[in-house]
């Protein structure tokens, strides 16, 4: 009893003989009859390939519409959108059609040898495309799951596998064309290991970086970061094996080497964005020559300021009580005293505490920094309760507009030197 494969071979042989007889009947005495015979058989082979390919694509499409209604929806969707099913259909169709090449071209050994090589290359190409689309579907699967930390590692792994795949399929293709064993070609690479490591240095570093970023969860796609080394600040659009794409706030796109995520200082502002807070850290520089004690005239004027009215009264009474029993208590320098810069520091602090745009749960400081040749910097350190760039700049500007003008009420002189700490 003959199996199904033998029966299929006999069927293709019969079809080949029928096409040959048709050519003999219509082209009995033409010198190019051989080429017509080969062309007709080749056309039949192409039609067979396209028919099998279309049948399997229809079958896979039916399976997709049935399975997508059930579980693993993200997996099915990623496979379908990456056209994995199309590549699988192509691979099956080429494989099945290649089995019929000998049966159809058994009368033309040279044509069979040529087509056998062609179909070998087609199978390598079809399997290569299937391989790359499967890797792409894996990336899409984790993207649909919104696992942005893991997608960084997956992308590093898949792109490394893509690179290995390119090398592997090129060697297989060369072996098919020249009929050389692939093991012989791959074995010759042993002596080229050092050169390969040098060529793919960035790839290896990018692979290691991708795994580190994913496991440490310090960065992910969508994070707002700053790289002082390159003066870059923006949102991570893509982390690939070799480069990181960053969309800057000026709508330009910057790319930096992936391994810089390990070797360079990276500021991640994402937590600030997620908590909807943003830090203000800026100093106002005062002329030291404008510093003085608060006398009665200045006290009378400052005590009308609501924010520091209670503070001034309490301090003024304490100073008066301590100085009461002191000799030469009329001299302002004797005993404890209020200063205009110190009182302004308290005013600035209370102004921030009462500002509805400042986050009360964050650190809030108004402190003196080290004296410079320009004067004494008084630093404002606080957090806004809105991290949006436009709103943040508006809040910061309002605060310093007020403090710069309010300093005049304390008889303080501001130096016209801008310093951002």
Protein backbone atom coordinates (compact mmCIF):
# COMPACT_ATOMS: atom_id res chain seq x y z
CA UNK A 1 0.00 0.00 0.00
CA UNK A 2 1.50 3.33 -1.00
CA UNK A 3 1.53 6.31 1.39
CA UNK A 4 0.05 9.75 0.67
CA UNK A 5 3.41 11.29 -0.25
CA UNK A 6 4.02 8.79 -3.04
CA UNK A 7 0.53 9.38 -4.36
CA UNK A 8 1.15 13.14 -4.35
CA UNK A 9 4.45 12.64 -6.22
CA UNK A 10 2.68 10.52 -8.84
CA UNK A 11 0.03 13.23 -9.19
CA UNK A 12 2.61 15.94 -9.87
CA UNK A 13 4.44 13.65 -12.31
CA UNK A 14 1.19 13.08 -14.18
CA UNK A 15 0.51 16.83 -14.25
CA UNK A 16 4.07 17.46 -15.51
CA UNK A 17 3.62 14.83 -18.25
CA UNK A 18 0.28 16.34 -19.25
CA UNK A 19 1.85 19.81 -19.56
CA UNK A 20 4.69 18.30 -21.58
CA UNK A 21 2.27 16.60 -23.98
CA UNK A 22 0.35 19.87 -24.35
CA UNK A 23 3.55 21.69 -25.34
CA UNK A 24 4.44 18.93 -27.83
CA UNK A 25 0.99 19.19 -29.37
CA UNK A 26 1.05 22.96 -29.78
CA UNK A 27 4.77 23.47 -30.49
CA UNK A 28 5.79 20.35 -32.49
CA UNK A 29 8.78 21.60 -34.47
CA UNK A 30 9.95 24.82 -32.71
CA UNK A 31 13.57 25.07 -31.54
CA UNK A 32 12.55 26.97 -28.41
CA UNK A 33 9.98 24.34 -27.40
CA UNK A 34 12.18 23.35 -24.46
CA UNK A 35 11.96 26.88 -23.02
CA UNK A 36 8.17 26.90 -23.43
CA UNK A 37 7.99 23.55 -21.62
CA UNK A 38 10.08 24.91 -18.73
CA UNK A 39 8.10 28.18 -18.62
CA UNK A 40 4.75 26.36 -18.45
CA UNK A 41 5.95 24.07 -15.66
CA UNK A 42 7.44 27.03 -13.80
CA UNK A 43 4.16 28.94 -14.11
CA UNK A 44 2.33 25.95 -12.66
CA UNK A 45 4.85 25.84 -9.78
CA UNK A 46 4.27 29.53 -9.04
CA UNK A 47 0.48 29.10 -9.11
CA UNK A 48 0.81 26.11 -6.78
CA UNK A 49 2.92 28.19 -4.39
CA UNK A 50 0.47 31.12 -4.37
CA UNK A 51 -2.53 28.81 -3.92
CA UNK A 52 -1.07 26.99 -0.93
CA UNK A 53 0.04 30.31 0.57
CA UNK A 54 -3.45 31.83 0.20
CA UNK A 55 -5.15 28.75 1.70
CA UNK A 56 -3.01 28.83 4.84
CA UNK A 57 -3.41 32.60 5.24
CA UNK A 58 -7.20 32.19 5.14
CA UNK A 59 -7.02 29.37 7.70
CA UNK A 60 -4.83 31.44 10.06
CA UNK A 61 -7.12 34.47 9.67
CA UNK A 62 -10.13 32.36 10.66
CA UNK A 63 -8.25 31.14 13.72
CA UNK A 64 -7.37 34.74 14.63
CA UNK A 65 -10.98 35.97 14.57
CA UNK A 66 -12.05 32.96 16.64
CA UNK A 67 -9.27 33.10 19.24
CA UNK A 68 -9.18 36.87 19.76
CA UNK A 69 -12.53 36.67 21.56
CA UNK A 70 -11.06 34.46 24.25
CA UNK A 71 -8.07 34.64 26.62
CA UNK A 72 -4.55 35.67 25.61
CA UNK A 73 -6.02 38.51 23.57
CA UNK A 74 -2.79 40.55 23.78
CA UNK A 75 -0.73 37.58 22.58
CA UNK A 76 -3.02 36.83 19.64
CA UNK A 77 -3.17 40.51 18.70
CA UNK A 78 0.61 40.94 18.81
CA UNK A 79 1.15 37.84 16.64
CA UNK A 80 -1.43 38.95 14.08
CA UNK A 81 -0.33 42.60 13.86
CA UNK A 82 3.31 41.52 13.50
CA UNK A 83 2.17 39.34 10.52
CA UNK A 84 3.64 36.21 12.09
CA UNK A 85 0.79 34.14 10.62
CA UNK A 86 1.51 35.47 7.12
CA UNK A 87 5.18 34.54 7.41
CA UNK A 88 4.26 31.11 8.76
CA UNK A 89 1.94 30.58 5.79
CA UNK A 90 4.72 31.66 3.40
CA UNK A 91 7.18 29.27 5.03
CA UNK A 92 4.76 26.32 4.85
CA UNK A 93 3.81 27.12 1.24
CA UNK A 94 7.45 27.30 0.11
CA UNK A 95 8.28 24.09 1.95
CA UNK A 96 5.38 22.15 0.43
CA UNK A 97 5.97 23.55 -3.05
CA UNK A 98 9.68 22.68 -2.90
CA UNK A 99 8.66 19.02 -2.47
CA UNK A 100 6.96 19.18 -5.86
CA UNK A 101 9.92 20.70 -7.74
CA UNK A 102 11.53 17.36 -8.61
CA UNK A 103 8.23 15.75 -9.66
CA UNK A 104 7.45 18.62 -12.01
CA UNK A 105 10.97 19.17 -13.41
CA UNK A 106 12.25 15.56 -13.40
CA UNK A 107 12.70 15.78 -17.19
CA UNK A 108 14.91 18.90 -16.80
CA UNK A 109 17.75 18.08 -14.34
CA UNK A 110 19.53 21.42 -14.82
CA UNK A 111 16.33 23.37 -14.20
CA UNK A 112 15.62 21.22 -11.14
CA UNK A 113 19.09 21.90 -9.68
CA UNK A 114 18.66 25.64 -10.21
CA UNK A 115 15.15 25.73 -8.75
CA UNK A 116 16.21 23.55 -5.84
CA UNK A 117 18.78 26.22 -4.91
CA UNK A 118 16.22 29.01 -5.40
CA UNK A 119 13.67 27.32 -3.16
CA UNK A 120 16.36 26.66 -0.59
CA UNK A 121 17.09 30.38 -0.49
CA UNK A 122 13.35 31.15 -0.33
CA UNK A 123 12.98 28.83 2.64
CA UNK A 124 15.89 30.52 4.43
CA UNK A 125 14.41 33.96 3.67
CA UNK A 126 10.90 32.92 4.74
CA UNK A 127 12.15 31.39 7.98
CA UNK A 128 14.28 34.50 8.62
CA UNK A 129 11.29 36.82 8.17
CA UNK A 130 9.22 34.54 10.42
CA UNK A 131 11.97 34.66 13.05
CA UNK A 132 12.21 38.47 13.02
CA UNK A 133 8.43 38.91 13.12
CA UNK A 134 8.17 36.60 16.13
CA UNK A 135 10.72 38.80 17.93
CA UNK A 136 8.70 41.87 16.95
CA UNK A 137 5.50 40.27 18.27
CA UNK A 138 7.21 39.65 21.64
CA UNK A 139 8.00 43.37 21.90
CA UNK A 140 4.42 44.27 20.95
CA UNK A 141 3.04 41.83 23.53
CA UNK A 142 4.83 43.54 26.44
CA UNK A 143 3.97 46.94 24.97
CA UNK A 144 0.26 46.08 25.00
CA UNK A 145 0.64 44.93 28.62
CA UNK A 146 2.26 48.33 29.37
CA UNK A 147 5.13 46.63 31.20
CA UNK A 148 7.55 49.45 30.36
CA UNK A 149 10.32 48.29 32.69
CA UNK A 150 10.37 44.77 31.24
CA UNK A 151 10.05 46.01 27.65
CA UNK A 152 13.51 47.58 27.97
CA UNK A 153 15.07 44.19 28.71
CA UNK A 154 12.93 42.44 26.10
CA UNK A 155 13.96 44.98 23.46
CA UNK A 156 17.65 44.55 24.33
CA UNK A 157 17.30 40.76 24.08
CA UNK A 158 15.25 40.76 20.87
CA UNK A 159 17.58 43.19 19.13
CA UNK A 160 20.56 41.07 20.15
CA UNK A 161 18.76 38.02 18.77
CA UNK A 162 18.00 39.96 15.57
CA UNK A 163 21.68 40.69 15.11
CA UNK A 164 22.56 37.04 15.71
CA UNK A 165 19.77 36.08 13.31
CA UNK A 166 21.12 38.29 10.54
CA UNK A 167 24.54 36.67 10.83
CA UNK A 168 23.11 33.16 11.05
CA UNK A 169 20.76 33.48 8.07
CA UNK A 170 23.43 35.11 5.91
CA UNK A 171 25.74 32.14 6.58
CA UNK A 172 22.93 29.67 5.86
CA UNK A 173 22.14 31.52 2.63
CA UNK A 174 25.78 31.39 1.53
CA UNK A 175 25.92 27.68 2.34
CA UNK A 176 22.79 27.08 0.21
CA UNK A 177 24.13 29.05 -2.77
CA UNK A 178 27.60 27.48 -2.80
CA UNK A 179 26.53 24.13 -1.30
CA UNK A 180 28.88 24.48 1.63
CA UNK A 181 28.08 23.12 5.07
CA UNK A 182 27.02 25.92 7.42
CA UNK A 183 29.12 24.35 10.19
CA UNK A 184 32.25 24.92 8.12
CA UNK A 185 31.46 28.63 7.79
CA UNK A 186 30.55 29.05 11.46
CA UNK A 187 33.66 27.16 12.53
CA UNK A 188 35.89 29.64 10.73
CA UNK A 189 34.53 32.41 12.96
CA UNK A 190 36.52 31.12 15.95
CA UNK A 191 39.64 32.89 14.75
CA UNK A 192 37.67 36.12 14.30
CA UNK A 193 36.30 36.28 17.86
CA UNK A 194 38.42 39.29 18.90
CA UNK A 195 37.42 41.22 15.79
CA UNK A 196 33.75 40.40 16.35
CA UNK A 197 33.92 41.59 19.97
CA UNK A 198 35.51 44.85 18.81
CA UNK A 199 32.90 45.39 16.10
CA UNK A 200 29.95 44.59 18.36
CA UNK A 201 31.26 46.37 21.46
CA UNK A 202 28.37 48.87 21.55
CA UNK A 203 25.87 46.07 20.97
CA UNK A 204 27.17 44.04 23.90
CA UNK A 205 27.21 47.10 26.16
CA UNK A 206 23.70 48.01 25.06
CA UNK A 207 22.50 44.49 25.85
CA UNK A 208 24.00 44.63 29.35
CA UNK A 209 22.57 48.11 29.91
CA UNK A 210 19.09 47.00 28.86
CA UNK A 211 19.11 44.19 31.41
CA UNK A 212 20.44 46.51 34.13
CA UNK A 213 17.82 49.19 33.44
CA UNK A 214 15.02 46.63 33.57
CA UNK A 215 16.16 44.93 36.78
CA UNK A 216 16.99 48.17 38.61
CA UNK A 217 13.78 49.89 37.38
CA UNK A 218 15.55 53.26 37.38
CA UNK A 219 14.35 54.22 33.91
CA UNK A 220 11.61 53.29 31.48
CA UNK A 221 10.05 54.53 28.27
CA UNK A 222 7.98 57.63 29.03
CA UNK A 223 10.17 58.88 31.87
CA UNK A 224 11.16 62.55 32.03
CA UNK A 225 14.95 62.64 32.33
CA UNK A 226 17.86 65.04 32.09
CA UNK A 227 21.42 64.27 30.96
CA UNK A 228 23.72 67.12 32.07
CA UNK A 229 26.63 65.73 30.01
CA UNK A 230 24.76 66.46 26.77
CA UNK A 231 22.56 69.29 28.13
CA UNK A 232 19.49 67.21 27.27
CA UNK A 233 16.13 67.20 29.04
CA UNK A 234 13.05 65.46 27.74
CA UNK A 235 10.99 62.28 27.63
CA UNK A 236 12.34 58.85 26.72
CA UNK A 237 10.66 57.75 23.51
CA UNK A 238 12.56 54.52 22.90
CA UNK A 239 15.33 52.45 24.45
CA UNK A 240 16.89 50.24 21.80
CA UNK A 241 19.99 48.08 21.78
CA UNK A 242 22.32 50.83 20.54
CA UNK A 243 20.60 54.16 21.13
CA UNK A 244 18.11 55.91 23.40
CA UNK A 245 15.70 58.29 21.67
CA UNK A 246 14.70 61.34 23.75
CA UNK A 247 12.00 63.82 22.76
CA UNK A 248 13.23 67.20 24.03
CA UNK A 249 10.86 69.85 25.30
CA UNK A 250 11.72 72.02 22.30
CA UNK A 251 10.24 69.28 20.07
CA UNK A 252 13.63 68.15 18.81
CA UNK A 253 14.78 64.54 19.12
CA UNK A 254 18.11 63.53 20.64
CA UNK A 255 19.75 60.11 20.53
CA UNK A 256 22.46 58.98 22.92
CA UNK A 257 24.29 55.65 23.18
CA UNK A 258 22.40 53.15 25.31
CA UNK A 259 25.47 52.31 27.40
CA UNK A 260 25.51 55.97 28.55
CA UNK A 261 22.62 55.03 30.83
CA UNK A 262 25.24 53.21 32.91
CA UNK A 263 28.29 55.42 32.48
CA UNK A 264 26.73 58.90 32.59
CA UNK A 265 24.83 60.87 35.23
CA UNK A 266 21.10 60.64 34.52
CA UNK A 267 18.52 62.74 36.35
CA UNK A 268 15.10 61.10 36.42
CA UNK A 269 12.34 63.63 37.06
CA UNK A 270 9.54 61.07 36.67
CA UNK A 271 8.86 60.74 40.39
CA UNK A 272 8.54 64.51 40.58
CA UNK A 273 6.05 64.39 37.73
CA UNK A 274 4.07 61.52 39.25
CA UNK A 275 3.82 63.22 42.65
CA UNK A 276 2.92 66.48 40.87
CA UNK A 277 5.59 68.44 42.75
CA UNK A 278 8.64 70.29 41.48
CA UNK A 279 11.50 71.86 43.33
CA UNK A 280 12.37 75.54 43.40
CA UNK A 281 15.99 76.17 44.33
CA UNK A 282 17.13 79.68 43.52
CA UNK A 283 18.96 82.44 45.39
CA UNK A 284 18.62 86.21 45.65
CA UNK A 285 21.93 88.02 46.21
CA UNK A 286 21.90 90.99 48.63
CA UNK A 287 24.38 93.78 49.00
CA UNK A 288 25.97 93.36 52.44
CA UNK A 289 26.31 97.14 52.75
CA UNK A 290 22.53 97.40 52.97
CA UNK A 291 22.34 95.21 56.09
CA UNK A 292 21.46 97.03 59.32
CA UNK A 293 19.77 96.69 62.70
CA UNK A 294 16.03 97.31 62.92
CA UNK A 295 15.59 100.65 64.68
CA UNK A 296 12.33 102.07 65.99
CA UNK A 297 11.51 103.82 62.73
CA UNK A 298 12.00 100.66 60.67
CA UNK A 299 10.19 98.61 63.31
CA UNK A 300 7.14 100.84 63.09
CA UNK A 301 7.04 100.43 59.33
CA UNK A 302 7.61 96.67 59.31
CA UNK A 303 5.13 95.95 62.10
CA UNK A 304 2.34 96.89 59.70
CA UNK A 305 3.17 93.82 57.56
CA UNK A 306 0.62 91.18 58.51
CA UNK A 307 2.80 88.12 57.87
CA UNK A 308 5.47 89.16 60.38
CA UNK A 309 3.48 91.37 62.72
CA UNK A 310 3.25 88.79 65.54
CA UNK A 311 6.86 87.73 65.05
CA UNK A 312 8.14 91.31 65.24
CA UNK A 313 6.12 92.18 68.35
CA UNK A 314 7.33 89.09 70.20
CA UNK A 315 10.96 89.61 69.21
CA UNK A 316 10.87 93.35 69.93
CA UNK A 317 9.47 92.74 73.42
CA UNK A 318 12.09 90.05 74.14
CA UNK A 319 14.89 92.36 73.02
CA UNK A 320 13.55 95.19 75.15
CA UNK A 321 13.24 92.94 78.21
CA UNK A 322 16.80 91.62 77.92
CA UNK A 323 18.27 95.08 77.37
CA UNK A 324 16.33 96.64 80.22
CA UNK A 325 18.92 95.88 82.88
CA UNK A 326 21.97 96.33 80.68
CA UNK A 327 24.32 99.36 80.87
CA UNK A 328 24.31 101.58 77.79
CA UNK A 329 21.10 99.98 76.67
CA UNK A 330 20.33 102.94 74.50
CA UNK A 331 23.08 101.88 72.14
CA UNK A 332 21.48 99.69 69.50
CA UNK A 333 24.49 97.41 69.17
CA UNK A 334 24.42 96.35 72.81
CA UNK A 335 22.46 93.17 73.50
CA UNK A 336 20.32 91.17 71.08
CA UNK A 337 18.91 92.98 68.06
CA UNK A 338 16.79 92.42 65.01
CA UNK A 339 18.35 92.86 61.57
CA UNK A 340 16.62 93.75 58.35
CA UNK A 341 18.07 90.72 56.49
CA UNK A 342 17.02 88.34 59.29
CA UNK A 343 13.53 89.80 59.42
CA UNK A 344 13.24 89.54 55.64
CA UNK A 345 14.29 85.88 55.85
CA UNK A 346 11.42 85.22 58.26
CA UNK A 347 9.06 87.17 56.01
CA UNK A 348 10.09 85.12 52.97
CA UNK A 349 9.57 81.88 54.92
CA UNK A 350 6.09 82.88 56.10
CA UNK A 351 5.22 84.08 52.61
CA UNK A 352 6.04 80.61 51.25
CA UNK A 353 4.17 78.85 54.06
CA UNK A 354 1.06 80.86 53.24
CA UNK A 355 1.43 80.49 49.48
CA UNK A 356 -1.29 78.07 48.20
CA UNK A 357 0.96 77.00 45.31
CA UNK A 358 3.66 75.57 47.61
CA UNK A 359 3.48 71.95 48.73
CA UNK A 360 3.33 72.00 52.56
CA UNK A 361 4.55 68.40 52.86
CA UNK A 362 7.84 69.11 51.07
CA UNK A 363 11.02 70.64 52.44
CA UNK A 364 10.72 74.41 52.85
CA UNK A 365 13.79 76.51 53.57
CA UNK A 366 14.94 80.10 53.32
CA UNK A 367 18.63 79.97 54.11
CA UNK A 368 21.82 81.97 53.78
CA UNK A 369 24.54 80.55 51.58
CA UNK A 370 28.25 81.26 51.73
CA UNK A 371 29.12 84.92 51.12
CA UNK A 372 30.57 85.58 47.68
CA UNK A 373 32.26 88.55 46.08
CA UNK A 374 28.85 89.57 44.72
CA UNK A 375 27.17 89.57 48.15
CA UNK A 376 25.15 87.28 50.40
CA UNK A 377 22.90 84.74 48.59
CA UNK A 378 19.58 84.03 50.27
CA UNK A 379 18.31 80.74 48.86
CA UNK A 380 14.67 79.82 48.42
CA UNK A 381 14.21 76.04 48.63
CA UNK A 382 10.67 74.64 48.33
CA UNK A 383 8.39 72.51 46.16
CA UNK A 384 5.47 73.64 44.05
CA UNK A 385 2.27 71.58 44.07
CA UNK A 386 2.11 71.55 40.25
CA UNK A 387 4.86 69.94 38.18
CA UNK A 388 3.64 71.12 34.77
CA UNK A 389 6.36 73.19 33.22
CA UNK A 390 4.25 76.22 32.32
CA UNK A 391 2.53 76.36 35.71
CA UNK A 392 5.79 75.75 37.57
CA UNK A 393 7.52 78.67 35.85
CA UNK A 394 4.54 80.91 36.55
CA UNK A 395 4.55 80.05 40.27
CA UNK A 396 8.31 80.53 40.54
CA UNK A 397 8.15 83.88 38.76
CA UNK A 398 5.34 85.10 41.01
CA UNK A 399 7.33 84.22 44.14
CA UNK A 400 10.49 86.01 43.08
CA UNK A 401 8.60 88.98 41.64
CA UNK A 402 7.10 89.49 45.06
CA UNK A 403 10.26 88.91 47.10
CA UNK A 404 12.42 91.13 44.90
CA UNK A 405 10.03 94.04 45.34
CA UNK A 406 9.28 93.28 49.00
CA UNK A 407 13.00 93.49 49.85
CA UNK A 408 12.83 97.26 49.31
CA UNK A 409 10.46 97.57 52.27
CA UNK A 410 13.24 96.15 54.47
CA UNK A 411 15.78 98.68 53.13
CA UNK A 412 17.68 95.85 51.43
CA UNK A 413 19.62 96.32 48.21
CA UNK A 414 19.60 93.46 45.70
CA UNK A 415 22.64 92.86 43.53
CA UNK A 416 21.91 92.61 39.83
CA UNK A 417 23.65 89.26 39.47
CA UNK A 418 21.63 86.16 38.66
CA UNK A 419 22.72 82.96 40.30
CA UNK A 420 20.95 79.62 40.00
CA UNK A 421 22.17 77.06 42.46
